[in-house]
Amino acid sequence: MAVQKSTQPATGKSAPDSTRRSEKSRRAIYDAALALVVEVGYPKTTIEGIAARAGVGKQTIYRWWSSKADVLMEAFLDLAEQSVQEPGPTPSAFPDTGDIAADVKGVLRATVDQMNDPRFDVPSRALAAEGVVNEQLGRELVARLMQPSLDLYIHRLRAAQDAGQVRADVDPRIALEFFISPLAQRWLQHTGPISHEYTDTLVDYALHGLAPR
């Protein structure tokens, strides 16, 4: 049998876990990026500032990301993933109780709660604004942040069509915009308050127009 070289240093102590160290640094960078955007705004947030706040060298950040927008998007995606683990309804889960109105209202209420949470509101506004002027980032935002949620709406609306609750000739991809587009406009442009009552009304208005004749 061949003799294998020992992976332990001569002192007998285990070697530092680089994976754990990298994950700790990544987590610190996420937290720093989100905190800075809330405190000073997106324009004043810099790679240097994130690095200083996280206690890492800026070369560490540039090794993983090419811009502060990329850092913030991954940090926000991580925040959204963590929110899924929290108790209570989440916009990333779409129930199917057989009642399309109740199901959509529940998801939109959870979305409103998230929009009104400063942890999500400020960084998501920053990303949305940057995505308008940065086409590549905008496309990534749609693909990584929006499309998974849109797919859930489409799937649920198709199930409602199968159940006879929504007209068979309705395009689910267009229909879902009756729910989310007015809400997004109010949120982005501050044209009115966003609340459970508001989204419940959106659903009632939309489904009344979509109901079988």
N, C-alpha and C. Protein backbone atom coordinates (compact mmCIF):
# COMPACT_ATOMS: atom_id res chain seq x y z
N MET A 1 0.85 -1.18 0.00
CA MET A 1 0.00 0.00 0.00
C MET A 1 0.89 1.23 0.00
N ALA A 2 0.59 2.20 -0.86
CA ALA A 2 1.38 3.41 -0.94
C ALA A 2 1.15 4.28 0.27
N VAL A 3 2.23 4.92 0.71
CA VAL A 3 2.13 5.83 1.85
C VAL A 3 1.67 7.20 1.36
N GLN A 4 0.59 7.74 1.95
CA GLN A 4 0.08 9.04 1.55
C GLN A 4 0.69 10.13 2.41
N LYS A 5 0.92 11.29 1.79
CA LYS A 5 1.43 12.42 2.54
C LYS A 5 0.36 12.95 3.48
N SER A 6 0.76 13.35 4.63
CA SER A 6 -0.19 13.89 5.60
C SER A 6 -0.67 15.26 5.15
N THR A 7 -1.96 15.52 5.33
CA THR A 7 -2.52 16.83 5.00
C THR A 7 -2.47 17.77 6.19
N GLN A 8 -1.98 17.30 7.33
CA GLN A 8 -1.90 18.14 8.52
C GLN A 8 -0.53 18.80 8.60
N PRO A 9 -0.47 20.06 9.07
CA PRO A 9 0.82 20.70 9.26
C PRO A 9 1.60 20.01 10.37
N ALA A 10 2.91 20.31 10.41
CA ALA A 10 3.80 19.63 11.36
C ALA A 10 3.36 19.84 12.79
N THR A 11 2.69 20.93 13.11
CA THR A 11 2.31 21.22 14.48
C THR A 11 1.15 20.36 14.95
N GLY A 12 0.47 19.69 14.00
CA GLY A 12 -0.67 18.88 14.38
C GLY A 12 -1.98 19.63 14.29
N LYS A 13 -1.95 20.94 14.08
CA LYS A 13 -3.16 21.73 13.95
C LYS A 13 -3.72 21.60 12.55
N SER A 14 -5.04 21.62 12.43
CA SER A 14 -5.65 21.52 11.11
C SER A 14 -5.41 22.78 10.32
N ALA A 15 -5.33 22.64 9.00
CA ALA A 15 -5.12 23.79 8.12
C ALA A 15 -6.37 24.68 8.11
N PRO A 16 -6.20 25.98 7.92
CA PRO A 16 -7.35 26.88 7.87
C PRO A 16 -8.32 26.46 6.77
N ASP A 17 -9.59 26.57 7.05
CA ASP A 17 -10.64 26.21 6.08
C ASP A 17 -10.89 27.41 5.19
N SER A 18 -10.33 27.38 3.97
CA SER A 18 -10.45 28.52 3.06
C SER A 18 -11.89 28.70 2.59
N THR A 19 -12.63 27.59 2.49
CA THR A 19 -14.03 27.69 2.07
C THR A 19 -14.85 28.45 3.09
N ARG A 20 -14.64 28.12 4.36
CA ARG A 20 -15.36 28.81 5.42
C ARG A 20 -14.97 30.27 5.47
N ARG A 21 -13.66 30.55 5.29
CA ARG A 21 -13.19 31.93 5.31
C ARG A 21 -13.79 32.73 4.16
N SER A 22 -13.86 32.12 2.96
CA SER A 22 -14.42 32.80 1.81
C SER A 22 -15.91 33.09 2.00
N GLU A 23 -16.63 32.13 2.58
CA GLU A 23 -18.06 32.32 2.81
C GLU A 23 -18.29 33.43 3.84
N LYS A 24 -17.45 33.48 4.85
CA LYS A 24 -17.57 34.54 5.86
C LYS A 24 -17.34 35.90 5.21
N SER A 25 -16.35 36.01 4.33
CA SER A 25 -16.07 37.27 3.65
C SER A 25 -17.22 37.64 2.71
N ARG A 26 -17.74 36.66 2.00
CA ARG A 26 -18.84 36.92 1.08
C ARG A 26 -20.06 37.44 1.84
N ARG A 27 -20.35 36.81 2.97
CA ARG A 27 -21.49 37.24 3.78
C ARG A 27 -21.29 38.66 4.29
N ALA A 28 -20.08 38.98 4.71
CA ALA A 28 -19.78 40.32 5.20
C ALA A 28 -19.95 41.35 4.08
N ILE A 29 -19.56 40.98 2.87
CA ILE A 29 -19.69 41.89 1.72
C ILE A 29 -21.17 42.12 1.40
N TYR A 30 -21.97 41.05 1.41
CA TYR A 30 -23.41 41.20 1.19
C TYR A 30 -24.00 42.19 2.20
N ASP A 31 -23.72 41.94 3.47
CA ASP A 31 -24.28 42.79 4.54
C ASP A 31 -23.83 44.23 4.38
N ALA A 32 -22.55 44.43 4.04
CA ALA A 32 -22.02 45.78 3.89
C ALA A 32 -22.67 46.51 2.73
N ALA A 33 -22.84 45.83 1.61
CA ALA A 33 -23.44 46.45 0.43
C ALA A 33 -24.87 46.89 0.71
N LEU A 34 -25.66 46.02 1.32
CA LEU A 34 -27.05 46.35 1.61
C LEU A 34 -27.14 47.48 2.63
N ALA A 35 -26.28 47.44 3.65
CA ALA A 35 -26.31 48.47 4.68
C ALA A 35 -25.93 49.84 4.12
N LEU A 36 -24.91 49.87 3.28
CA LEU A 36 -24.46 51.15 2.71
C LEU A 36 -25.50 51.77 1.80
N VAL A 37 -26.16 50.95 1.00
CA VAL A 37 -27.19 51.48 0.11
C VAL A 37 -28.31 52.11 0.91
N VAL A 38 -28.67 51.48 2.03
CA VAL A 38 -29.72 52.04 2.89
C VAL A 38 -29.25 53.34 3.53
N GLU A 39 -27.99 53.38 3.97
CA GLU A 39 -27.49 54.53 4.74
C GLU A 39 -27.12 55.73 3.87
N VAL A 40 -26.45 55.50 2.74
CA VAL A 40 -25.94 56.62 1.95
C VAL A 40 -26.52 56.69 0.54
N GLY A 41 -27.29 55.68 0.14
CA GLY A 41 -27.86 55.67 -1.20
C GLY A 41 -26.95 54.97 -2.20
N TYR A 42 -27.52 54.56 -3.31
CA TYR A 42 -26.76 53.82 -4.32
C TYR A 42 -25.63 54.65 -4.94
N PRO A 43 -25.87 55.92 -5.34
CA PRO A 43 -24.79 56.68 -5.99
C PRO A 43 -23.54 56.82 -5.14
N LYS A 44 -23.71 56.94 -3.81
CA LYS A 44 -22.56 57.14 -2.92
C LYS A 44 -21.95 55.83 -2.44
N THR A 45 -22.57 54.72 -2.76
CA THR A 45 -22.01 53.43 -2.40
C THR A 45 -20.91 53.06 -3.38
N THR A 46 -19.75 52.69 -2.86
CA THR A 46 -18.60 52.36 -3.71
C THR A 46 -18.02 51.00 -3.32
N ILE A 47 -17.25 50.44 -4.23
CA ILE A 47 -16.55 49.19 -3.93
C ILE A 47 -15.63 49.39 -2.73
N GLU A 48 -14.94 50.53 -2.70
CA GLU A 48 -14.04 50.82 -1.59
C GLU A 48 -14.80 50.88 -0.27
N GLY A 49 -15.96 51.52 -0.32
CA GLY A 49 -16.77 51.63 0.89
C GLY A 49 -17.28 50.28 1.36
N ILE A 50 -17.71 49.45 0.42
CA ILE A 50 -18.19 48.11 0.76
C ILE A 50 -17.05 47.30 1.38
N ALA A 51 -15.86 47.39 0.76
CA ALA A 51 -14.71 46.64 1.27
C ALA A 51 -14.35 47.07 2.68
N ALA A 52 -14.33 48.38 2.91
CA ALA A 52 -13.98 48.88 4.24
C ALA A 52 -15.01 48.44 5.27
N ARG A 53 -16.28 48.51 4.91
CA ARG A 53 -17.36 48.13 5.82
C ARG A 53 -17.31 46.63 6.13
N ALA A 54 -16.96 45.83 5.11
CA ALA A 54 -16.92 44.38 5.28
C ALA A 54 -15.62 43.90 5.92
N GLY A 55 -14.61 44.76 5.96
CA GLY A 55 -13.32 44.36 6.53
C GLY A 55 -12.52 43.47 5.61
N VAL A 56 -12.65 43.72 4.30
CA VAL A 56 -11.88 42.94 3.32
C VAL A 56 -11.18 43.91 2.38
N GLY A 57 -10.22 43.42 1.62
CA GLY A 57 -9.56 44.24 0.61
C GLY A 57 -10.45 44.36 -0.61
N LYS A 58 -10.37 45.49 -1.30
CA LYS A 58 -11.24 45.65 -2.47
C LYS A 58 -10.89 44.66 -3.57
N GLN A 59 -9.66 44.15 -3.57
CA GLN A 59 -9.29 43.14 -4.56
C GLN A 59 -10.10 41.85 -4.35
N THR A 60 -10.50 41.62 -3.10
CA THR A 60 -11.34 40.46 -2.82
C THR A 60 -12.68 40.60 -3.53
N ILE A 61 -13.24 41.80 -3.50
CA ILE A 61 -14.53 42.05 -4.15
C ILE A 61 -14.37 41.93 -5.66
N TYR A 62 -13.33 42.53 -6.21
CA TYR A 62 -13.14 42.48 -7.66
C TYR A 62 -12.82 41.07 -8.16
N ARG A 63 -12.38 40.20 -7.27
CA ARG A 63 -12.13 38.82 -7.66
C ARG A 63 -13.45 38.08 -7.91
N TRP A 64 -14.51 38.53 -7.24
CA TRP A 64 -15.81 37.86 -7.36
C TRP A 64 -16.82 38.63 -8.20
N TRP A 65 -16.71 39.95 -8.24
CA TRP A 65 -17.68 40.77 -8.96
C TRP A 65 -16.98 41.86 -9.76
N SER A 66 -17.62 42.31 -10.82
CA SER A 66 -17.01 43.33 -11.67
C SER A 66 -17.49 44.74 -11.36
N SER A 67 -18.56 44.88 -10.59
CA SER A 67 -19.10 46.21 -10.29
C SER A 67 -19.91 46.17 -9.02
N LYS A 68 -20.21 47.35 -8.49
CA LYS A 68 -21.04 47.41 -7.28
C LYS A 68 -22.46 46.96 -7.58
N ALA A 69 -22.92 47.15 -8.82
CA ALA A 69 -24.25 46.68 -9.20
C ALA A 69 -24.33 45.17 -9.09
N ASP A 70 -23.28 44.48 -9.52
CA ASP A 70 -23.25 43.02 -9.44
C ASP A 70 -23.25 42.57 -7.97
N VAL A 71 -22.49 43.27 -7.14
CA VAL A 71 -22.45 42.94 -5.72
C VAL A 71 -23.84 43.09 -5.12
N LEU A 72 -24.47 44.22 -5.40
CA LEU A 72 -25.77 44.50 -4.81
C LEU A 72 -26.82 43.50 -5.29
N MET A 73 -26.78 43.13 -6.56
CA MET A 73 -27.77 42.19 -7.06
C MET A 73 -27.63 40.84 -6.36
N GLU A 74 -26.40 40.34 -6.21
CA GLU A 74 -26.22 39.07 -5.54
C GLU A 74 -26.60 39.16 -4.07
N ALA A 75 -26.29 40.31 -3.45
CA ALA A 75 -26.66 40.51 -2.05
C ALA A 75 -28.17 40.50 -1.90
N PHE A 76 -28.86 41.13 -2.85
CA PHE A 76 -30.32 41.18 -2.79
C PHE A 76 -30.92 39.81 -3.04
N LEU A 77 -30.36 39.06 -3.98
CA LEU A 77 -30.83 37.70 -4.23
C LEU A 77 -30.65 36.83 -2.99
N ASP A 78 -29.54 37.02 -2.30
CA ASP A 78 -29.29 36.27 -1.08
C ASP A 78 -30.30 36.66 0.00
N LEU A 79 -30.59 37.97 0.09
CA LEU A 79 -31.58 38.44 1.06
C LEU A 79 -32.95 37.83 0.78
N ALA A 80 -33.31 37.80 -0.51
CA ALA A 80 -34.60 37.20 -0.89
C ALA A 80 -34.64 35.73 -0.54
N GLU A 81 -33.51 35.04 -0.75
CA GLU A 81 -33.45 33.62 -0.42
C GLU A 81 -33.61 33.40 1.09
N GLN A 82 -33.00 34.27 1.88
CA GLN A 82 -33.14 34.16 3.32
C GLN A 82 -34.58 34.39 3.76
N SER A 83 -35.27 35.30 3.08
CA SER A 83 -36.65 35.62 3.47
C SER A 83 -37.56 34.41 3.26
N VAL A 84 -37.21 33.55 2.30
CA VAL A 84 -38.01 32.34 2.07
C VAL A 84 -37.99 31.45 3.30
N GLN A 85 -36.89 31.50 4.06
CA GLN A 85 -36.76 30.65 5.24
C GLN A 85 -37.51 31.21 6.44
N GLU A 86 -37.93 32.48 6.36
CA GLU A 86 -38.63 33.09 7.49
C GLU A 86 -40.08 32.61 7.53
N PRO A 87 -40.68 32.54 8.73
CA PRO A 87 -42.07 32.11 8.82
C PRO A 87 -43.01 33.10 8.17
N GLY A 88 -44.14 32.60 7.69
CA GLY A 88 -45.12 33.47 7.06
C GLY A 88 -45.10 33.34 5.56
N PRO A 89 -46.09 33.96 4.88
CA PRO A 89 -46.17 33.87 3.41
C PRO A 89 -45.01 34.58 2.74
N THR A 90 -44.66 34.14 1.56
CA THR A 90 -43.57 34.74 0.81
C THR A 90 -43.97 34.88 -0.65
N PRO A 91 -43.56 35.97 -1.32
CA PRO A 91 -43.90 36.15 -2.73
C PRO A 91 -43.34 35.07 -3.64
N SER A 92 -42.35 34.31 -3.16
CA SER A 92 -41.72 33.31 -4.01
C SER A 92 -42.46 31.98 -3.99
N ALA A 93 -43.54 31.90 -3.21
CA ALA A 93 -44.32 30.67 -3.15
C ALA A 93 -45.76 30.98 -3.53
N PHE A 94 -46.30 30.24 -4.48
CA PHE A 94 -47.65 30.52 -4.96
C PHE A 94 -48.57 29.36 -4.58
N PRO A 95 -49.52 29.59 -3.70
CA PRO A 95 -50.42 28.51 -3.28
C PRO A 95 -51.44 28.20 -4.36
N ASP A 96 -52.02 27.03 -4.27
CA ASP A 96 -53.13 26.65 -5.15
C ASP A 96 -54.18 25.97 -4.29
N THR A 97 -55.06 26.80 -3.75
CA THR A 97 -56.14 26.30 -2.88
C THR A 97 -57.40 25.99 -3.68
N GLY A 98 -57.36 26.31 -4.97
CA GLY A 98 -58.55 26.18 -5.78
C GLY A 98 -59.31 27.48 -5.91
N ASP A 99 -58.91 28.48 -5.14
CA ASP A 99 -59.54 29.81 -5.17
C ASP A 99 -58.52 30.79 -5.73
N ILE A 100 -58.62 31.10 -7.02
CA ILE A 100 -57.61 31.95 -7.66
C ILE A 100 -57.54 33.33 -7.03
N ALA A 101 -58.68 33.89 -6.67
CA ALA A 101 -58.69 35.23 -6.09
C ALA A 101 -57.94 35.24 -4.75
N ALA A 102 -58.24 34.28 -3.89
CA ALA A 102 -57.59 34.23 -2.58
C ALA A 102 -56.10 33.98 -2.72
N ASP A 103 -55.73 33.13 -3.66
CA ASP A 103 -54.32 32.80 -3.83
C ASP A 103 -53.52 34.01 -4.31
N VAL A 104 -54.03 34.71 -5.32
CA VAL A 104 -53.32 35.89 -5.84
C VAL A 104 -53.28 36.99 -4.79
N LYS A 105 -54.38 37.18 -4.07
CA LYS A 105 -54.40 38.20 -3.02
C LYS A 105 -53.35 37.90 -1.95
N GLY A 106 -53.20 36.63 -1.59
CA GLY A 106 -52.22 36.26 -0.57
C GLY A 106 -50.80 36.56 -1.01
N VAL A 107 -50.48 36.23 -2.26
CA VAL A 107 -49.13 36.49 -2.77
C VAL A 107 -48.88 37.99 -2.87
N LEU A 108 -49.86 38.76 -3.34
CA LEU A 108 -49.68 40.20 -3.47
C LEU A 108 -49.57 40.87 -2.11
N ARG A 109 -50.27 40.37 -1.12
CA ARG A 109 -50.14 40.93 0.23
C ARG A 109 -48.72 40.71 0.76
N ALA A 110 -48.18 39.51 0.52
CA ALA A 110 -46.80 39.24 0.94
C ALA A 110 -45.83 40.14 0.19
N THR A 111 -46.12 40.41 -1.08
CA THR A 111 -45.27 41.30 -1.88
C THR A 111 -45.30 42.71 -1.32
N VAL A 112 -46.49 43.19 -0.94
CA VAL A 112 -46.63 44.52 -0.35
C VAL A 112 -45.82 44.60 0.94
N ASP A 113 -45.91 43.57 1.77
CA ASP A 113 -45.16 43.57 3.03
C ASP A 113 -43.66 43.67 2.76
N GLN A 114 -43.20 42.97 1.73
CA GLN A 114 -41.78 43.03 1.38
C GLN A 114 -41.40 44.41 0.85
N MET A 115 -42.26 44.98 0.00
CA MET A 115 -41.99 46.31 -0.54
C MET A 115 -41.91 47.37 0.56
N ASN A 116 -42.70 47.18 1.60
CA ASN A 116 -42.72 48.15 2.70
C ASN A 116 -41.62 47.90 3.74
N ASP A 117 -40.84 46.86 3.53
CA ASP A 117 -39.73 46.54 4.43
C ASP A 117 -38.48 47.25 3.93
N PRO A 118 -37.89 48.17 4.71
CA PRO A 118 -36.71 48.91 4.25
C PRO A 118 -35.56 48.02 3.81
N ARG A 119 -35.47 46.81 4.37
CA ARG A 119 -34.39 45.90 3.96
C ARG A 119 -34.47 45.58 2.47
N PHE A 120 -35.71 45.51 1.96
CA PHE A 120 -35.92 45.20 0.56
C PHE A 120 -36.15 46.45 -0.28
N ASP A 121 -36.85 47.41 0.28
CA ASP A 121 -37.28 48.57 -0.49
C ASP A 121 -36.11 49.35 -1.08
N VAL A 122 -35.16 49.74 -0.25
CA VAL A 122 -34.07 50.60 -0.71
C VAL A 122 -33.17 49.90 -1.73
N PRO A 123 -32.65 48.70 -1.44
CA PRO A 123 -31.78 48.07 -2.45
C PRO A 123 -32.51 47.70 -3.73
N SER A 124 -33.78 47.31 -3.63
CA SER A 124 -34.50 46.95 -4.85
C SER A 124 -34.80 48.17 -5.70
N ARG A 125 -35.04 49.32 -5.07
CA ARG A 125 -35.21 50.56 -5.83
C ARG A 125 -33.91 50.94 -6.54
N ALA A 126 -32.79 50.77 -5.82
CA ALA A 126 -31.49 51.09 -6.41
C ALA A 126 -31.22 50.22 -7.63
N LEU A 127 -31.51 48.94 -7.51
CA LEU A 127 -31.30 48.04 -8.63
C LEU A 127 -32.23 48.36 -9.79
N ALA A 128 -33.49 48.68 -9.48
CA ALA A 128 -34.44 49.02 -10.54
C ALA A 128 -34.00 50.26 -11.29
N ALA A 129 -33.53 51.27 -10.57
CA ALA A 129 -33.08 52.51 -11.20
C ALA A 129 -31.85 52.27 -12.07
N GLU A 130 -30.91 51.50 -11.56
CA GLU A 130 -29.69 51.22 -12.32
C GLU A 130 -30.01 50.37 -13.55
N GLY A 131 -30.99 49.48 -13.42
CA GLY A 131 -31.36 48.63 -14.53
C GLY A 131 -31.97 49.39 -15.69
N VAL A 132 -32.51 50.58 -15.43
CA VAL A 132 -33.08 51.40 -16.51
C VAL A 132 -31.97 51.94 -17.41
N VAL A 133 -30.85 52.34 -16.83
CA VAL A 133 -29.76 52.94 -17.61
C VAL A 133 -28.70 51.93 -18.01
N ASN A 134 -28.67 50.79 -17.34
CA ASN A 134 -27.71 49.73 -17.64
C ASN A 134 -28.49 48.55 -18.21
N GLU A 135 -28.53 48.45 -19.54
CA GLU A 135 -29.37 47.44 -20.19
C GLU A 135 -28.99 46.02 -19.79
N GLN A 136 -27.70 45.75 -19.72
CA GLN A 136 -27.28 44.40 -19.36
C GLN A 136 -27.75 44.04 -17.95
N LEU A 137 -27.58 44.98 -17.02
CA LEU A 137 -28.04 44.72 -15.66
C LEU A 137 -29.55 44.56 -15.63
N GLY A 138 -30.24 45.40 -16.41
CA GLY A 138 -31.69 45.31 -16.46
C GLY A 138 -32.16 43.94 -16.91
N ARG A 139 -31.50 43.39 -17.93
CA ARG A 139 -31.86 42.06 -18.41
C ARG A 139 -31.57 40.99 -17.35
N GLU A 140 -30.48 41.15 -16.64
CA GLU A 140 -30.16 40.19 -15.58
C GLU A 140 -31.17 40.27 -14.45
N LEU A 141 -31.62 41.48 -14.14
CA LEU A 141 -32.63 41.64 -13.10
C LEU A 141 -33.91 40.91 -13.48
N VAL A 142 -34.31 41.06 -14.72
CA VAL A 142 -35.53 40.38 -15.17
C VAL A 142 -35.35 38.87 -15.09
N ALA A 143 -34.21 38.39 -15.60
CA ALA A 143 -33.98 36.95 -15.66
C ALA A 143 -33.84 36.32 -14.27
N ARG A 144 -33.12 37.01 -13.38
CA ARG A 144 -32.80 36.40 -12.09
C ARG A 144 -33.77 36.75 -10.98
N LEU A 145 -34.37 37.95 -11.04
CA LEU A 145 -35.25 38.38 -9.97
C LEU A 145 -36.73 38.27 -10.34
N MET A 146 -37.08 38.71 -11.54
CA MET A 146 -38.48 38.81 -11.91
C MET A 146 -39.06 37.55 -12.55
N GLN A 147 -38.32 36.97 -13.49
CA GLN A 147 -38.88 35.87 -14.27
C GLN A 147 -39.35 34.69 -13.42
N PRO A 148 -38.60 34.27 -12.39
CA PRO A 148 -39.10 33.16 -11.58
C PRO A 148 -40.47 33.45 -10.97
N SER A 149 -40.69 34.69 -10.53
CA SER A 149 -42.00 35.05 -9.97
C SER A 149 -43.07 35.10 -11.05
N LEU A 150 -42.71 35.63 -12.22
CA LEU A 150 -43.67 35.69 -13.33
C LEU A 150 -44.11 34.28 -13.73
N ASP A 151 -43.17 33.36 -13.73
CA ASP A 151 -43.50 31.98 -14.09
C ASP A 151 -44.51 31.37 -13.12
N LEU A 152 -44.41 31.74 -11.84
CA LEU A 152 -45.36 31.24 -10.86
C LEU A 152 -46.76 31.76 -11.13
N TYR A 153 -46.86 33.05 -11.48
CA TYR A 153 -48.17 33.62 -11.83
C TYR A 153 -48.74 32.90 -13.05
N ILE A 154 -47.92 32.69 -14.06
CA ILE A 154 -48.38 32.04 -15.28
C ILE A 154 -48.91 30.64 -14.98
N HIS A 155 -48.15 29.89 -14.20
CA HIS A 155 -48.55 28.53 -13.86
C HIS A 155 -49.88 28.53 -13.09
N ARG A 156 -50.03 29.46 -12.15
CA ARG A 156 -51.27 29.50 -11.35
C ARG A 156 -52.46 29.92 -12.20
N LEU A 157 -52.27 30.87 -13.10
CA LEU A 157 -53.36 31.31 -13.96
C LEU A 157 -53.78 30.21 -14.94
N ARG A 158 -52.83 29.43 -15.41
CA ARG A 158 -53.17 28.32 -16.28
C ARG A 158 -53.99 27.27 -15.54
N ALA A 159 -53.63 27.05 -14.27
CA ALA A 159 -54.42 26.12 -13.46
C ALA A 159 -55.85 26.65 -13.27
N ALA A 160 -55.97 27.98 -13.12
CA ALA A 160 -57.29 28.58 -12.98
C ALA A 160 -58.08 28.45 -14.28
N GLN A 161 -57.40 28.53 -15.41
CA GLN A 161 -58.07 28.31 -16.70
C GLN A 161 -58.59 26.88 -16.79
N ASP A 162 -57.77 25.93 -16.37
CA ASP A 162 -58.18 24.52 -16.40
C ASP A 162 -59.40 24.28 -15.52
N ALA A 163 -59.48 25.08 -14.42
CA ALA A 163 -60.60 24.92 -13.48
C ALA A 163 -61.82 25.73 -13.90
N GLY A 164 -61.72 26.48 -15.01
CA GLY A 164 -62.84 27.27 -15.48
C GLY A 164 -63.04 28.58 -14.74
N GLN A 165 -62.02 29.03 -14.00
CA GLN A 165 -62.13 30.27 -13.24
C GLN A 165 -61.63 31.47 -14.03
N VAL A 166 -60.90 31.22 -15.09
CA VAL A 166 -60.38 32.27 -15.97
C VAL A 166 -60.67 31.84 -17.40
N ARG A 167 -61.03 32.78 -18.25
CA ARG A 167 -61.36 32.46 -19.63
C ARG A 167 -60.21 31.71 -20.32
N ALA A 168 -60.58 30.76 -21.14
CA ALA A 168 -59.57 29.92 -21.80
C ALA A 168 -58.76 30.69 -22.83
N ASP A 169 -59.32 31.79 -23.36
CA ASP A 169 -58.61 32.53 -24.41
C ASP A 169 -57.68 33.60 -23.86
N VAL A 170 -57.59 33.69 -22.55
CA VAL A 170 -56.73 34.70 -21.91
C VAL A 170 -55.27 34.26 -21.97
N ASP A 171 -54.37 35.18 -22.30
CA ASP A 171 -52.93 34.92 -22.27
C ASP A 171 -52.44 35.19 -20.84
N PRO A 172 -52.01 34.16 -20.11
CA PRO A 172 -51.59 34.36 -18.72
C PRO A 172 -50.45 35.36 -18.56
N ARG A 173 -49.53 35.41 -19.55
CA ARG A 173 -48.40 36.34 -19.44
C ARG A 173 -48.87 37.79 -19.48
N ILE A 174 -49.92 38.07 -20.25
CA ILE A 174 -50.48 39.42 -20.28
C ILE A 174 -51.36 39.64 -19.06
N ALA A 175 -52.14 38.63 -18.71
CA ALA A 175 -53.08 38.76 -17.60
C ALA A 175 -52.39 39.09 -16.28
N LEU A 176 -51.22 38.50 -16.03
CA LEU A 176 -50.54 38.73 -14.75
C LEU A 176 -50.16 40.20 -14.57
N GLU A 177 -50.02 40.93 -15.69
CA GLU A 177 -49.65 42.33 -15.58
C GLU A 177 -50.77 43.17 -14.97
N PHE A 178 -52.01 42.68 -15.03
CA PHE A 178 -53.10 43.39 -14.36
C PHE A 178 -52.87 43.45 -12.85
N PHE A 179 -52.17 42.45 -12.33
CA PHE A 179 -51.90 42.40 -10.89
C PHE A 179 -50.64 43.17 -10.51
N ILE A 180 -49.55 42.88 -11.23
CA ILE A 180 -48.25 43.37 -10.76
C ILE A 180 -47.84 44.72 -11.33
N SER A 181 -48.26 45.06 -12.54
CA SER A 181 -47.80 46.32 -13.13
C SER A 181 -48.32 47.55 -12.40
N PRO A 182 -49.62 47.62 -12.05
CA PRO A 182 -50.08 48.79 -11.29
C PRO A 182 -49.38 48.92 -9.94
N LEU A 183 -49.14 47.77 -9.29
CA LEU A 183 -48.44 47.79 -8.01
C LEU A 183 -47.02 48.31 -8.17
N ALA A 184 -46.32 47.82 -9.21
CA ALA A 184 -44.95 48.26 -9.45
C ALA A 184 -44.89 49.75 -9.75
N GLN A 185 -45.85 50.24 -10.51
CA GLN A 185 -45.85 51.67 -10.84
C GLN A 185 -46.05 52.51 -9.58
N ARG A 186 -46.99 52.14 -8.75
CA ARG A 186 -47.21 52.89 -7.50
C ARG A 186 -45.96 52.89 -6.63
N TRP A 187 -45.34 51.73 -6.55
CA TRP A 187 -44.16 51.61 -5.70
C TRP A 187 -42.99 52.42 -6.24
N LEU A 188 -42.73 52.33 -7.53
CA LEU A 188 -41.58 53.02 -8.12
C LEU A 188 -41.77 54.53 -8.16
N GLN A 189 -42.96 54.97 -8.50
CA GLN A 189 -43.19 56.40 -8.74
C GLN A 189 -43.92 57.09 -7.59
N HIS A 190 -44.21 56.37 -6.53
CA HIS A 190 -44.89 56.95 -5.37
C HIS A 190 -46.20 57.65 -5.78
N THR A 191 -46.95 57.02 -6.68
CA THR A 191 -48.19 57.64 -7.15
C THR A 191 -49.36 57.39 -6.20
N GLY A 192 -49.16 56.54 -5.21
CA GLY A 192 -50.20 56.26 -4.24
C GLY A 192 -49.71 55.25 -3.24
N PRO A 193 -50.43 55.07 -2.14
CA PRO A 193 -50.00 54.11 -1.13
C PRO A 193 -50.16 52.68 -1.62
N ILE A 194 -49.30 51.80 -1.15
CA ILE A 194 -49.44 50.39 -1.46
C ILE A 194 -49.82 49.67 -0.16
N SER A 195 -50.87 48.90 -0.25
CA SER A 195 -51.43 48.25 0.94
C SER A 195 -52.14 46.98 0.52
N HIS A 196 -52.53 46.19 1.52
CA HIS A 196 -53.30 44.99 1.24
C HIS A 196 -54.63 45.34 0.58
N GLU A 197 -55.23 46.41 1.05
CA GLU A 197 -56.52 46.82 0.48
C GLU A 197 -56.38 47.15 -1.00
N TYR A 198 -55.28 47.82 -1.34
CA TYR A 198 -55.06 48.19 -2.73
C TYR A 198 -54.89 46.97 -3.62
N THR A 199 -54.05 46.01 -3.20
CA THR A 199 -53.82 44.84 -4.04
C THR A 199 -55.06 43.94 -4.09
N ASP A 200 -55.82 43.88 -3.00
CA ASP A 200 -57.07 43.11 -3.03
C ASP A 200 -58.01 43.68 -4.10
N THR A 201 -58.04 45.01 -4.17
CA THR A 201 -58.90 45.66 -5.16
C THR A 201 -58.41 45.38 -6.58
N LEU A 202 -57.09 45.39 -6.77
CA LEU A 202 -56.54 45.06 -8.08
C LEU A 202 -57.01 43.68 -8.54
N VAL A 203 -56.95 42.73 -7.63
CA VAL A 203 -57.35 41.37 -7.97
C VAL A 203 -58.83 41.31 -8.32
N ASP A 204 -59.66 41.98 -7.52
CA ASP A 204 -61.10 41.97 -7.78
C ASP A 204 -61.40 42.60 -9.14
N TYR A 205 -60.76 43.71 -9.44
CA TYR A 205 -60.99 44.37 -10.73
C TYR A 205 -60.52 43.47 -11.88
N ALA A 206 -59.33 42.91 -11.75
CA ALA A 206 -58.77 42.11 -12.82
C ALA A 206 -59.60 40.85 -13.08
N LEU A 207 -59.93 40.13 -12.02
CA LEU A 207 -60.65 38.88 -12.20
C LEU A 207 -62.08 39.10 -12.67
N HIS A 208 -62.66 40.22 -12.34
CA HIS A 208 -64.00 40.51 -12.85
C HIS A 208 -63.96 40.63 -14.37
N GLY A 209 -62.88 41.18 -14.87
CA GLY A 209 -62.75 41.31 -16.32
C GLY A 209 -62.32 40.02 -16.98
N LEU A 210 -61.67 39.12 -16.21
CA LEU A 210 -61.18 37.87 -16.76
C LEU A 210 -62.17 36.71 -16.60
N ALA A 211 -63.18 36.90 -15.79
CA ALA A 211 -64.11 35.81 -15.50
C ALA A 211 -64.84 35.35 -16.76
N PRO A 212 -65.20 34.07 -16.83
CA PRO A 212 -65.94 33.56 -17.99
C PRO A 212 -67.25 34.32 -18.20
N ARG A 213 -67.59 34.57 -19.44
CA ARG A 213 -68.83 35.28 -19.76
C ARG A 213 -70.01 34.30 -19.84
